[in-house]
Amino acid sequence: MTRHLEEAVHAAQGRKALDLRVLNLEGVSSFTDFFLICSGTSTRHTQAICDAIVEELKKKGASPAHLEGYTQAEWILLDYLDFVVHIFLERAREFYDLERLWKKAVRVAIAD
């Protein structure tokens, strides 16, 4: 796991993101190495998680190459190239079920 990904995990944990998962996609995906997947309880919560991640990584000199879904905030995507952050409302997460779609990816343990 990269240092910036670890910082993104800590920022999400600091905003009380739910059900955090890191998937190692090395050898499975050609466009990124890791996914950070988490959930929020409301659109404001998903936006707050996103804001915390962006703010923390900006302090470390990293900005997302792409940000999508912030306004609707049901599924926010932050693309940091070597990892992609997916912040979902729980119903959207269940619907898209990225963990199932990327079931060949190795799950990475996350410290509390």
PDB file of N, CA and C in Angstrom:
ATOM      1  N   MET A   1       0.865  -1.181   0.000  1.00  0.00           N
ATOM      2  CA  MET A   1       0.000   0.000   0.000  1.00  0.00           C
ATOM      3  C   MET A   1       0.904   1.235   0.000  1.00  0.00           C
ATOM      4  N   THR A   2       0.569   2.202  -0.835  1.00  0.00           N
ATOM      5  CA  THR A   2       1.377   3.410  -0.939  1.00  0.00           C
ATOM      6  C   THR A   2       1.122   4.334   0.255  1.00  0.00           C
ATOM      7  N   ARG A   3       2.070   5.234   0.486  1.00  0.00           N
ATOM      8  CA  ARG A   3       1.943   6.189   1.600  1.00  0.00           C
ATOM      9  C   ARG A   3       0.697   7.060   1.433  1.00  0.00           C
ATOM     10  N   HIS A   4       0.453   7.556   0.221  1.00  0.00           N
ATOM     11  CA  HIS A   4      -0.726   8.397   0.013  1.00  0.00           C
ATOM     12  C   HIS A   4      -2.017   7.609   0.220  1.00  0.00           C
ATOM     13  N   LEU A   5      -2.025   6.349  -0.159  1.00  0.00           N
ATOM     14  CA  LEU A   5      -3.211   5.525   0.076  1.00  0.00           C
ATOM     15  C   LEU A   5      -3.440   5.344   1.572  1.00  0.00           C
ATOM     16  N   GLU A   6      -2.382   5.111   2.316  1.00  0.00           N
ATOM     17  CA  GLU A   6      -2.512   5.001   3.780  1.00  0.00           C
ATOM     18  C   GLU A   6      -3.080   6.285   4.369  1.00  0.00           C
ATOM     19  N   GLU A   7      -2.625   7.431   3.874  1.00  0.00           N
ATOM     20  CA  GLU A   7      -3.137   8.717   4.361  1.00  0.00           C
ATOM     21  C   GLU A   7      -4.608   8.902   3.993  1.00  0.00           C
ATOM     22  N   ALA A   8      -4.999   8.432   2.818  1.00  0.00           N
ATOM     23  CA  ALA A   8      -6.406   8.495   2.415  1.00  0.00           C
ATOM     24  C   ALA A   8      -7.263   7.628   3.335  1.00  0.00           C
ATOM     25  N   VAL A   9      -6.761   6.452   3.676  1.00  0.00           N
ATOM     26  CA  VAL A   9      -7.481   5.560   4.609  1.00  0.00           C
ATOM     27  C   VAL A   9      -7.661   6.260   5.952  1.00  0.00           C
ATOM     28  N   HIS A  10      -6.594   6.858   6.472  1.00  0.00           N
ATOM     29  CA  HIS A  10      -6.676   7.536   7.772  1.00  0.00           C
ATOM     30  C   HIS A  10      -7.643   8.723   7.731  1.00  0.00           C
ATOM     31  N   ALA A  11      -7.629   9.459   6.619  1.00  0.00           N
ATOM     32  CA  ALA A  11      -8.556  10.596   6.488  1.00  0.00           C
ATOM     33  C   ALA A  11      -9.998  10.102   6.469  1.00  0.00           C
ATOM     34  N   ALA A  12     -10.263   9.011   5.748  1.00  0.00           N
ATOM     35  CA  ALA A  12     -11.623   8.447   5.706  1.00  0.00           C
ATOM     36  C   ALA A  12     -12.031   7.943   7.088  1.00  0.00           C
ATOM     37  N   GLN A  13     -11.111   7.285   7.775  1.00  0.00           N
ATOM     38  CA  GLN A  13     -11.411   6.815   9.131  1.00  0.00           C
ATOM     39  C   GLN A  13     -11.707   7.987  10.050  1.00  0.00           C
ATOM     40  N   GLY A  14     -10.982   9.092   9.872  1.00  0.00           N
ATOM     41  CA  GLY A  14     -11.198  10.282  10.691  1.00  0.00           C
ATOM     42  C   GLY A  14     -12.569  10.898  10.494  1.00  0.00           C
ATOM     43  N   ARG A  15     -13.170  10.668   9.337  1.00  0.00           N
ATOM     44  CA  ARG A  15     -14.530  11.148   9.060  1.00  0.00           C
ATOM     45  C   ARG A  15     -15.572  10.055   9.270  1.00  0.00           C
ATOM     46  N   LYS A  16     -15.153   8.994   9.928  1.00  0.00           N
ATOM     47  CA  LYS A  16     -16.052   7.891  10.291  1.00  0.00           C
ATOM     48  C   LYS A  16     -16.689   7.207   9.081  1.00  0.00           C
ATOM     49  N   ALA A  17     -15.895   7.023   8.020  1.00  0.00           N
ATOM     50  CA  ALA A  17     -16.354   6.259   6.865  1.00  0.00           C
ATOM     51  C   ALA A  17     -16.647   4.830   7.308  1.00  0.00           C
ATOM     52  N   LEU A  18     -17.625   4.218   6.692  1.00  0.00           N
ATOM     53  CA  LEU A  18     -18.062   2.873   7.060  1.00  0.00           C
ATOM     54  C   LEU A  18     -17.478   1.827   6.116  1.00  0.00           C
ATOM     55  N   ASP A  19     -17.218   0.654   6.654  1.00  0.00           N
ATOM     56  CA  ASP A  19     -16.867  -0.537   5.873  1.00  0.00           C
ATOM     57  C   ASP A  19     -15.747  -0.265   4.870  1.00  0.00           C
ATOM     58  N   LEU A  20     -14.628   0.250   5.371  1.00  0.00           N
ATOM     59  CA  LEU A  20     -13.486   0.537   4.506  1.00  0.00           C
ATOM     60  C   LEU A  20     -12.856  -0.752   4.005  1.00  0.00           C
ATOM     61  N   ARG A  21     -12.554  -0.776   2.720  1.00  0.00           N
ATOM     62  CA  ARG A  21     -11.877  -1.914   2.086  1.00  0.00           C
ATOM     63  C   ARG A  21     -10.799  -1.370   1.162  1.00  0.00           C
ATOM     64  N   VAL A  22      -9.666  -2.026   1.164  1.00  0.00           N
ATOM     65  CA  VAL A  22      -8.631  -1.743   0.176  1.00  0.00           C
ATOM     66  C   VAL A  22      -8.439  -3.012  -0.635  1.00  0.00           C
ATOM     67  N   LEU A  23      -8.539  -2.865  -1.946  1.00  0.00           N
ATOM     68  CA  LEU A  23      -8.328  -3.983  -2.865  1.00  0.00           C
ATOM     69  C   LEU A  23      -7.037  -3.745  -3.632  1.00  0.00           C
ATOM     70  N   ASN A  24      -6.145  -4.738  -3.619  1.00  0.00           N
ATOM     71  CA  ASN A  24      -4.910  -4.674  -4.386  1.00  0.00           C
ATOM     72  C   ASN A  24      -5.209  -5.206  -5.782  1.00  0.00           C
ATOM     73  N   LEU A  25      -5.127  -4.344  -6.769  1.00  0.00           N
ATOM     74  CA  LEU A  25      -5.470  -4.692  -8.144  1.00  0.00           C
ATOM     75  C   LEU A  25      -4.243  -4.938  -9.019  1.00  0.00           C
ATOM     76  N   GLU A  26      -3.070  -4.975  -8.415  1.00  0.00           N
ATOM     77  CA  GLU A  26      -1.856  -5.219  -9.193  1.00  0.00           C
ATOM     78  C   GLU A  26      -1.973  -6.580  -9.875  1.00  0.00           C
ATOM     79  N   GLY A  27      -1.759  -6.602 -11.171  1.00  0.00           N
ATOM     80  CA  GLY A  27      -1.891  -7.824 -11.943  1.00  0.00           C
ATOM     81  C   GLY A  27      -3.313  -8.140 -12.360  1.00  0.00           C
ATOM     82  N   VAL A  28      -4.275  -7.360 -11.865  1.00  0.00           N
ATOM     83  CA  VAL A  28      -5.692  -7.567 -12.190  1.00  0.00           C
ATOM     84  C   VAL A  28      -6.217  -6.429 -13.063  1.00  0.00           C
ATOM     85  N   SER A  29      -5.692  -5.222 -12.833  1.00  0.00           N
ATOM     86  CA  SER A  29      -6.147  -4.023 -13.536  1.00  0.00           C
ATOM     87  C   SER A  29      -4.965  -3.348 -14.223  1.00  0.00           C
ATOM     88  N   SER A  30      -5.233  -2.758 -15.362  1.00  0.00           N
ATOM     89  CA  SER A  30      -4.178  -2.028 -16.075  1.00  0.00           C
ATOM     90  C   SER A  30      -4.220  -0.524 -15.789  1.00  0.00           C
ATOM     91  N   PHE A  31      -5.263  -0.036 -15.115  1.00  0.00           N
ATOM     92  CA  PHE A  31      -5.414   1.410 -14.948  1.00  0.00           C
ATOM     93  C   PHE A  31      -5.105   1.924 -13.549  1.00  0.00           C
ATOM     94  N   THR A  32      -4.998   1.034 -12.558  1.00  0.00           N
ATOM     95  CA  THR A  32      -4.665   1.457 -11.203  1.00  0.00           C
ATOM     96  C   THR A  32      -4.166   0.256 -10.417  1.00  0.00           C
ATOM     97  N   ASP A  33      -3.536   0.526  -9.279  1.00  0.00           N
ATOM     98  CA  ASP A  33      -2.993  -0.553  -8.444  1.00  0.00           C
ATOM     99  C   ASP A  33      -3.895  -0.919  -7.270  1.00  0.00           C
ATOM    100  N   PHE A  34      -4.654   0.058  -6.767  1.00  0.00           N
ATOM    101  CA  PHE A  34      -5.493  -0.178  -5.591  1.00  0.00           C
ATOM    102  C   PHE A  34      -6.823   0.546  -5.718  1.00  0.00           C
ATOM    103  N   PHE A  35      -7.837  -0.010  -5.063  1.00  0.00           N
ATOM    104  CA  PHE A  35      -9.104   0.675  -4.806  1.00  0.00           C
ATOM    105  C   PHE A  35      -9.220   0.854  -3.301  1.00  0.00           C
ATOM    106  N   LEU A  36      -9.660   2.034  -2.877  1.00  0.00           N
ATOM    107  CA  LEU A  36     -10.143   2.255  -1.518  1.00  0.00           C
ATOM    108  C   LEU A  36     -11.641   2.427  -1.657  1.00  0.00           C
ATOM    109  N   ILE A  37     -12.396   1.554  -1.020  1.00  0.00           N
ATOM    110  CA  ILE A  37     -13.861   1.595  -1.097  1.00  0.00           C
ATOM    111  C   ILE A  37     -14.387   1.834   0.313  1.00  0.00           C
ATOM    112  N   CYS A  38     -15.314   2.780   0.443  1.00  0.00           N
ATOM    113  CA  CYS A  38     -15.933   3.026   1.741  1.00  0.00           C
ATOM    114  C   CYS A  38     -17.329   3.584   1.528  1.00  0.00           C
ATOM    115  N   SER A  39     -18.076   3.695   2.614  1.00  0.00           N
ATOM    116  CA  SER A  39     -19.452   4.176   2.554  1.00  0.00           C
ATOM    117  C   SER A  39     -19.664   5.322   3.525  1.00  0.00           C
ATOM    118  N   GLY A  40     -20.660   6.140   3.189  1.00  0.00           N
ATOM    119  CA  GLY A  40     -21.128   7.188   4.074  1.00  0.00           C
ATOM    120  C   GLY A  40     -22.618   7.011   4.306  1.00  0.00           C
ATOM    121  N   THR A  41     -23.138   7.672   5.320  1.00  0.00           N
ATOM    122  CA  THR A  41     -24.536   7.501   5.706  1.00  0.00           C
ATOM    123  C   THR A  41     -25.482   8.488   5.023  1.00  0.00           C
ATOM    124  N   SER A  42     -24.931   9.532   4.409  1.00  0.00           N
ATOM    125  CA  SER A  42     -25.739  10.549   3.732  1.00  0.00           C
ATOM    126  C   SER A  42     -24.858  11.223   2.685  1.00  0.00           C
ATOM    127  N   THR A  43     -25.481  12.030   1.823  1.00  0.00           N
ATOM    128  CA  THR A  43     -24.682  12.728   0.819  1.00  0.00           C
ATOM    129  C   THR A  43     -23.699  13.697   1.484  1.00  0.00           C
ATOM    130  N   ARG A  44     -24.107  14.339   2.541  1.00  0.00           N
ATOM    131  CA  ARG A  44     -23.185  15.231   3.264  1.00  0.00           C
ATOM    132  C   ARG A  44     -22.014  14.449   3.847  1.00  0.00           C
ATOM    133  N   HIS A  45     -22.299  13.256   4.333  1.00  0.00           N
ATOM    134  CA  HIS A  45     -21.243  12.423   4.906  1.00  0.00           C
ATOM    135  C   HIS A  45     -20.255  11.990   3.818  1.00  0.00           C
ATOM    136  N   THR A  46     -20.750  11.554   2.663  1.00  0.00           N
ATOM    137  CA  THR A  46     -19.830  11.149   1.595  1.00  0.00           C
ATOM    138  C   THR A  46     -18.990  12.338   1.128  1.00  0.00           C
ATOM    139  N   GLN A  47     -19.589  13.510   1.055  1.00  0.00           N
ATOM    140  CA  GLN A  47     -18.834  14.706   0.669  1.00  0.00           C
ATOM    141  C   GLN A  47     -17.782  15.056   1.722  1.00  0.00           C
ATOM    142  N   ALA A  48     -18.133  14.905   2.998  1.00  0.00           N
ATOM    143  CA  ALA A  48     -17.174  15.192   4.074  1.00  0.00           C
ATOM    144  C   ALA A  48     -15.989  14.223   4.024  1.00  0.00           C
ATOM    145  N   ILE A  49     -16.259  12.961   3.729  1.00  0.00           N
ATOM    146  CA  ILE A  49     -15.187  11.975   3.580  1.00  0.00           C
ATOM    147  C   ILE A  49     -14.288  12.387   2.414  1.00  0.00           C
ATOM    148  N   CYS A  50     -14.889  12.726   1.305  1.00  0.00           N
ATOM    149  CA  CYS A  50     -14.145  13.171   0.121  1.00  0.00           C
ATOM    150  C   CYS A  50     -13.298  14.397   0.451  1.00  0.00           C
ATOM    151  N   ASP A  51     -13.904  15.390   1.075  1.00  0.00           N
ATOM    152  CA  ASP A  51     -13.189  16.617   1.421  1.00  0.00           C
ATOM    153  C   ASP A  51     -11.990  16.323   2.312  1.00  0.00           C
ATOM    154  N   ALA A  52     -12.157  15.436   3.281  1.00  0.00           N
ATOM    155  CA  ALA A  52     -11.071  15.098   4.202  1.00  0.00           C
ATOM    156  C   ALA A  52      -9.909  14.432   3.459  1.00  0.00           C
ATOM    157  N   ILE A  53     -10.223  13.529   2.549  1.00  0.00           N
ATOM    158  CA  ILE A  53      -9.181  12.843   1.777  1.00  0.00           C
ATOM    159  C   ILE A  53      -8.438  13.836   0.892  1.00  0.00           C
ATOM    160  N   VAL A  54      -9.180  14.655   0.159  1.00  0.00           N
ATOM    161  CA  VAL A  54      -8.561  15.631  -0.743  1.00  0.00           C
ATOM    162  C   VAL A  54      -7.685  16.600   0.043  1.00  0.00           C
ATOM    163  N   GLU A  55      -8.204  17.095   1.163  1.00  0.00           N
ATOM    164  CA  GLU A  55      -7.467  18.056   1.985  1.00  0.00           C
ATOM    165  C   GLU A  55      -6.182  17.434   2.534  1.00  0.00           C
ATOM    166  N   GLU A  56      -6.277  16.230   3.064  1.00  0.00           N
ATOM    167  CA  GLU A  56      -5.107  15.580   3.649  1.00  0.00           C
ATOM    168  C   GLU A  56      -4.039  15.292   2.590  1.00  0.00           C
ATOM    169  N   LEU A  57      -4.450  14.790   1.445  1.00  0.00           N
ATOM    170  CA  LEU A  57      -3.471  14.463   0.410  1.00  0.00           C
ATOM    171  C   LEU A  57      -2.894  15.714  -0.240  1.00  0.00           C
ATOM    172  N   LYS A  58      -3.671  16.776  -0.304  1.00  0.00           N
ATOM    173  CA  LYS A  58      -3.157  18.035  -0.840  1.00  0.00           C
ATOM    174  C   LYS A  58      -2.012  18.548   0.033  1.00  0.00           C
ATOM    175  N   LYS A  59      -2.129  18.373   1.357  1.00  0.00           N
ATOM    176  CA  LYS A  59      -1.048  18.752   2.275  1.00  0.00           C
ATOM    177  C   LYS A  59       0.234  17.993   1.957  1.00  0.00           C
ATOM    178  N   LYS A  60       0.102  16.800   1.408  1.00  0.00           N
ATOM    179  CA  LYS A  60       1.246  15.945   1.079  1.00  0.00           C
ATOM    180  C   LYS A  60       1.676  16.110  -0.372  1.00  0.00           C
ATOM    181  N   GLY A  61       1.055  17.048  -1.080  1.00  0.00           N
ATOM    182  CA  GLY A  61       1.445  17.333  -2.452  1.00  0.00           C
ATOM    183  C   GLY A  61       0.746  16.506  -3.511  1.00  0.00           C
ATOM    184  N   ALA A  62      -0.314  15.811  -3.152  1.00  0.00           N
ATOM    185  CA  ALA A  62      -1.037  14.972  -4.112  1.00  0.00           C
ATOM    186  C   ALA A  62      -2.434  15.533  -4.357  1.00  0.00           C
ATOM    187  N   SER A  63      -2.800  15.621  -5.622  1.00  0.00           N
ATOM    188  CA  SER A  63      -4.142  16.053  -6.008  1.00  0.00           C
ATOM    189  C   SER A  63      -4.740  14.991  -6.914  1.00  0.00           C
ATOM    190  N   PRO A  64      -6.050  14.811  -6.847  1.00  0.00           N
ATOM    191  CA  PRO A  64      -6.651  13.801  -7.737  1.00  0.00           C
ATOM    192  C   PRO A  64      -6.555  14.227  -9.199  1.00  0.00           C
ATOM    193  N   ALA A  65      -6.269  13.252 -10.051  1.00  0.00           N
ATOM    194  CA  ALA A  65      -6.254  13.512 -11.488  1.00  0.00           C
ATOM    195  C   ALA A  65      -7.678  13.706 -11.990  1.00  0.00           C
ATOM    196  N   HIS A  66      -8.627  13.117 -11.268  1.00  0.00           N
ATOM    197  CA  HIS A  66     -10.028  13.196 -11.672  1.00  0.00           C
ATOM    198  C   HIS A  66     -10.905  13.067 -10.432  1.00  0.00           C
ATOM    199  N   LEU A  67     -11.960  13.864 -10.386  1.00  0.00           N
ATOM    200  CA  LEU A  67     -12.968  13.806  -9.321  1.00  0.00           C
ATOM    201  C   LEU A  67     -14.321  13.749 -10.004  1.00  0.00           C
ATOM    202  N   GLU A  68     -15.132  12.792  -9.599  1.00  0.00           N
ATOM    203  CA  GLU A  68     -16.445  12.637 -10.232  1.00  0.00           C
ATOM    204  C   GLU A  68     -17.499  12.315  -9.180  1.00  0.00           C
ATOM    205  N   GLY A  69     -18.702  12.833  -9.373  1.00  0.00           N
ATOM    206  CA  GLY A  69     -19.843  12.472  -8.544  1.00  0.00           C
ATOM    207  C   GLY A  69     -20.032  13.272  -7.277  1.00  0.00           C
ATOM    208  N   TYR A  70     -19.247  14.329  -7.083  1.00  0.00           N
ATOM    209  CA  TYR A  70     -19.295  15.070  -5.818  1.00  0.00           C
ATOM    210  C   TYR A  70     -20.659  15.728  -5.597  1.00  0.00           C
ATOM    211  N   THR A  71     -21.245  16.309  -6.615  1.00  0.00           N
ATOM    212  CA  THR A  71     -22.505  17.039  -6.455  1.00  0.00           C
ATOM    213  C   THR A  71     -23.647  16.124  -6.033  1.00  0.00           C
ATOM    214  N   GLN A  72     -23.810  14.988  -6.713  1.00  0.00           N
ATOM    215  CA  GLN A  72     -24.871  14.042  -6.356  1.00  0.00           C
ATOM    216  C   GLN A  72     -24.493  13.266  -5.100  1.00  0.00           C
ATOM    217  N   ALA A  73     -23.210  12.971  -4.955  1.00  0.00           N
ATOM    218  CA  ALA A  73     -22.614  12.370  -3.757  1.00  0.00           C
ATOM    219  C   ALA A  73     -23.170  10.991  -3.392  1.00  0.00           C
ATOM    220  N   GLU A  74     -23.729  10.281  -4.372  1.00  0.00           N
ATOM    221  CA  GLU A  74     -24.129   8.889  -4.122  1.00  0.00           C
ATOM    222  C   GLU A  74     -22.947   7.950  -4.348  1.00  0.00           C
ATOM    223  N   TRP A  75     -22.091   8.325  -5.295  1.00  0.00           N
ATOM    224  CA  TRP A  75     -20.856   7.597  -5.576  1.00  0.00           C
ATOM    225  C   TRP A  75     -19.830   8.635  -6.006  1.00  0.00           C
ATOM    226  N   ILE A  76     -18.887   8.908  -5.136  1.00  0.00           N
ATOM    227  CA  ILE A  76     -17.824   9.869  -5.438  1.00  0.00           C
ATOM    228  C   ILE A  76     -16.571   9.069  -5.774  1.00  0.00           C
ATOM    229  N   LEU A  77     -15.930   9.452  -6.866  1.00  0.00           N
ATOM    230  CA  LEU A  77     -14.716   8.786  -7.312  1.00  0.00           C
ATOM    231  C   LEU A  77     -13.579   9.803  -7.322  1.00  0.00           C
ATOM    232  N   LEU A  78     -12.479   9.436  -6.670  1.00  0.00           N
ATOM    233  CA  LEU A  78     -11.255  10.230  -6.678  1.00  0.00           C
ATOM    234  C   LEU A  78     -10.168   9.382  -7.312  1.00  0.00           C
ATOM    235  N   ASP A  79      -9.612   9.829  -8.423  1.00  0.00           N
ATOM    236  CA  ASP A  79      -8.583   9.068  -9.126  1.00  0.00           C
ATOM    237  C   ASP A  79      -7.216   9.688  -8.853  1.00  0.00           C
ATOM    238  N   TYR A  80      -6.410   8.970  -8.080  1.00  0.00           N
ATOM    239  CA  TYR A  80      -5.044   9.394  -7.787  1.00  0.00           C
ATOM    240  C   TYR A  80      -4.034   8.601  -8.628  1.00  0.00           C
ATOM    241  N   LEU A  81      -4.490   8.024  -9.717  1.00  0.00           N
ATOM    242  CA  LEU A  81      -3.728   7.250 -10.684  1.00  0.00           C
ATOM    243  C   LEU A  81      -3.258   5.907 -10.138  1.00  0.00           C
ATOM    244  N   ASP A  82      -2.402   5.880  -9.096  1.00  0.00           N
ATOM    245  CA  ASP A  82      -1.975   4.575  -8.577  1.00  0.00           C
ATOM    246  C   ASP A  82      -3.008   3.968  -7.633  1.00  0.00           C
ATOM    247  N   PHE A  83      -3.976   4.764  -7.225  1.00  0.00           N
ATOM    248  CA  PHE A  83      -5.135   4.234  -6.497  1.00  0.00           C
ATOM    249  C   PHE A  83      -6.353   5.088  -6.790  1.00  0.00           C
ATOM    250  N   VAL A  84      -7.527   4.463  -6.662  1.00  0.00           N
ATOM    251  CA  VAL A  84      -8.804   5.129  -6.898  1.00  0.00           C
ATOM    252  C   VAL A  84      -9.648   4.972  -5.639  1.00  0.00           C
ATOM    253  N   VAL A  85     -10.218   6.074  -5.178  1.00  0.00           N
ATOM    254  CA  VAL A  85     -11.086   6.073  -3.999  1.00  0.00           C
ATOM    255  C   VAL A  85     -12.534   6.081  -4.479  1.00  0.00           C
ATOM    256  N   HIS A  86     -13.335   5.169  -3.936  1.00  0.00           N
ATOM    257  CA  HIS A  86     -14.769   5.102  -4.220  1.00  0.00           C
ATOM    258  C   HIS A  86     -15.497   5.335  -2.897  1.00  0.00           C
ATOM    259  N   ILE A  87     -16.287   6.386  -2.833  1.00  0.00           N
ATOM    260  CA  ILE A  87     -17.059   6.705  -1.626  1.00  0.00           C
ATOM    261  C   ILE A  87     -18.533   6.601  -2.004  1.00  0.00           C
ATOM    262  N   PHE A  88     -19.211   5.667  -1.388  1.00  0.00           N
ATOM    263  CA  PHE A  88     -20.595   5.350  -1.757  1.00  0.00           C
ATOM    264  C   PHE A  88     -21.588   5.667  -0.645  1.00  0.00           C
ATOM    265  N   LEU A  89     -22.824   5.969  -1.035  1.00  0.00           N
ATOM    266  CA  LEU A  89     -23.945   5.763  -0.133  1.00  0.00           C
ATOM    267  C   LEU A  89     -24.168   4.254  -0.102  1.00  0.00           C
ATOM    268  N   GLU A  90     -24.659   3.730   0.991  1.00  0.00           N
ATOM    269  CA  GLU A  90     -24.755   2.276   1.137  1.00  0.00           C
ATOM    270  C   GLU A  90     -25.586   1.610   0.043  1.00  0.00           C
ATOM    271  N   ARG A  91     -26.699   2.210  -0.354  1.00  0.00           N
ATOM    272  CA  ARG A  91     -27.531   1.570  -1.396  1.00  0.00           C
ATOM    273  C   ARG A  91     -26.805   1.529  -2.743  1.00  0.00           C
ATOM    274  N   ALA A  92     -26.049   2.560  -3.073  1.00  0.00           N
ATOM    275  CA  ALA A  92     -25.286   2.564  -4.324  1.00  0.00           C
ATOM    276  C   ALA A  92     -24.158   1.536  -4.261  1.00  0.00           C
ATOM    277  N   ARG A  93     -23.536   1.414  -3.107  1.00  0.00           N
ATOM    278  CA  ARG A  93     -22.468   0.429  -2.960  1.00  0.00           C
ATOM    279  C   ARG A  93     -23.000  -0.985  -3.157  1.00  0.00           C
ATOM    280  N   GLU A  94     -24.145  -1.265  -2.575  1.00  0.00           N
ATOM    281  CA  GLU A  94     -24.759  -2.587  -2.755  1.00  0.00           C
ATOM    282  C   GLU A  94     -25.120  -2.828  -4.218  1.00  0.00           C
ATOM    283  N   PHE A  95     -25.621  -1.807  -4.890  1.00  0.00           N
ATOM    284  CA  PHE A  95     -26.041  -1.950  -6.275  1.00  0.00           C
ATOM    285  C   PHE A  95     -24.850  -2.237  -7.197  1.00  0.00           C
ATOM    286  N   TYR A  96     -23.781  -1.451  -7.070  1.00  0.00           N
ATOM    287  CA  TYR A  96     -22.631  -1.603  -7.970  1.00  0.00           C
ATOM    288  C   TYR A  96     -21.690  -2.731  -7.543  1.00  0.00           C
ATOM    289  N   ASP A  97     -21.637  -3.030  -6.263  1.00  0.00           N
ATOM    290  CA  ASP A  97     -20.915  -4.191  -5.715  1.00  0.00           C
ATOM    291  C   ASP A  97     -19.523  -4.378  -6.328  1.00  0.00           C
ATOM    292  N   LEU A  98     -18.683  -3.356  -6.178  1.00  0.00           N
ATOM    293  CA  LEU A  98     -17.336  -3.419  -6.740  1.00  0.00           C
ATOM    294  C   LEU A  98     -16.513  -4.580  -6.178  1.00  0.00           C
ATOM    295  N   GLU A  99     -16.743  -4.903  -4.917  1.00  0.00           N
ATOM    296  CA  GLU A  99     -15.996  -6.024  -4.331  1.00  0.00           C
ATOM    297  C   GLU A  99     -16.267  -7.329  -5.090  1.00  0.00           C
ATOM    298  N   ARG A 100     -17.484  -7.515  -5.548  1.00  0.00           N
ATOM    299  CA  ARG A 100     -17.812  -8.711  -6.326  1.00  0.00           C
ATOM    300  C   ARG A 100     -17.228  -8.620  -7.735  1.00  0.00           C
ATOM    301  N   LEU A 101     -17.337  -7.431  -8.346  1.00  0.00           N
ATOM    302  CA  LEU A 101     -16.811  -7.248  -9.700  1.00  0.00           C
ATOM    303  C   LEU A 101     -15.299  -7.447  -9.760  1.00  0.00           C
ATOM    304  N   TRP A 102     -14.613  -7.074  -8.699  1.00  0.00           N
ATOM    305  CA  TRP A 102     -13.160  -7.197  -8.633  1.00  0.00           C
ATOM    306  C   TRP A 102     -12.761  -8.293  -7.648  1.00  0.00           C
ATOM    307  N   LYS A 103     -13.468  -9.407  -7.666  1.00  0.00           N
ATOM    308  CA  LYS A 103     -13.243 -10.477  -6.690  1.00  0.00           C
ATOM    309  C   LYS A 103     -11.865 -11.128  -6.809  1.00  0.00           C
ATOM    310  N   LYS A 104     -11.187 -10.956  -7.936  1.00  0.00           N
ATOM    311  CA  LYS A 104      -9.830 -11.502  -8.092  1.00  0.00           C
ATOM    312  C   LYS A 104      -8.776 -10.655  -7.370  1.00  0.00           C
ATOM    313  N   ALA A 105      -9.162  -9.461  -6.970  1.00  0.00           N
ATOM    314  CA  ALA A 105      -8.233  -8.570  -6.256  1.00  0.00           C
ATOM    315  C   ALA A 105      -7.986  -9.084  -4.842  1.00  0.00           C
ATOM    316  N   VAL A 106      -6.787  -8.876  -4.370  1.00  0.00           N
ATOM    317  CA  VAL A 106      -6.416  -9.259  -3.003  1.00  0.00           C
ATOM    318  C   VAL A 106      -6.890  -8.173  -2.053  1.00  0.00           C
ATOM    319  N   ARG A 107      -7.556  -8.579  -0.977  1.00  0.00           N
ATOM    320  CA  ARG A 107      -7.988  -7.615   0.049  1.00  0.00           C
ATOM    321  C   ARG A 107      -6.824  -7.315   0.974  1.00  0.00           C
ATOM    322  N   VAL A 108      -6.611  -6.031   1.220  1.00  0.00           N
ATOM    323  CA  VAL A 108      -5.512  -5.585   2.069  1.00  0.00           C
ATOM    324  C   VAL A 108      -6.074  -5.255   3.445  1.00  0.00           C
ATOM    325  N   ALA A 109      -5.418  -5.748   4.478  1.00  0.00           N
ATOM    326  CA  ALA A 109      -5.858  -5.468   5.854  1.00  0.00           C
ATOM    327  C   ALA A 109      -5.665  -3.987   6.157  1.00  0.00           C
ATOM    328  N   ILE A 110      -6.632  -3.427   6.862  1.00  0.00           N
ATOM    329  CA  ILE A 110      -6.588  -2.026   7.261  1.00  0.00           C
ATOM    330  C   ILE A 110      -6.536  -1.963   8.782  1.00  0.00           C
ATOM    331  N   ALA A 111      -5.551  -1.210   9.287  1.00  0.00           N
ATOM    332  CA  ALA A 111      -5.446  -1.025  10.743  1.00  0.00           C
ATOM    333  C   ALA A 111      -6.497  -0.036  11.213  1.00  0.00           C
ATOM    334  N   ASP A 112      -7.005  -0.253  12.414  1.00  0.00           N
ATOM    335  CA  ASP A 112      -8.012   0.668  12.973  1.00  0.00           C
ATOM    336  C   ASP A 112      -7.382   1.947  13.414  1.00  0.00           C
TER     337      ASP A 112
END
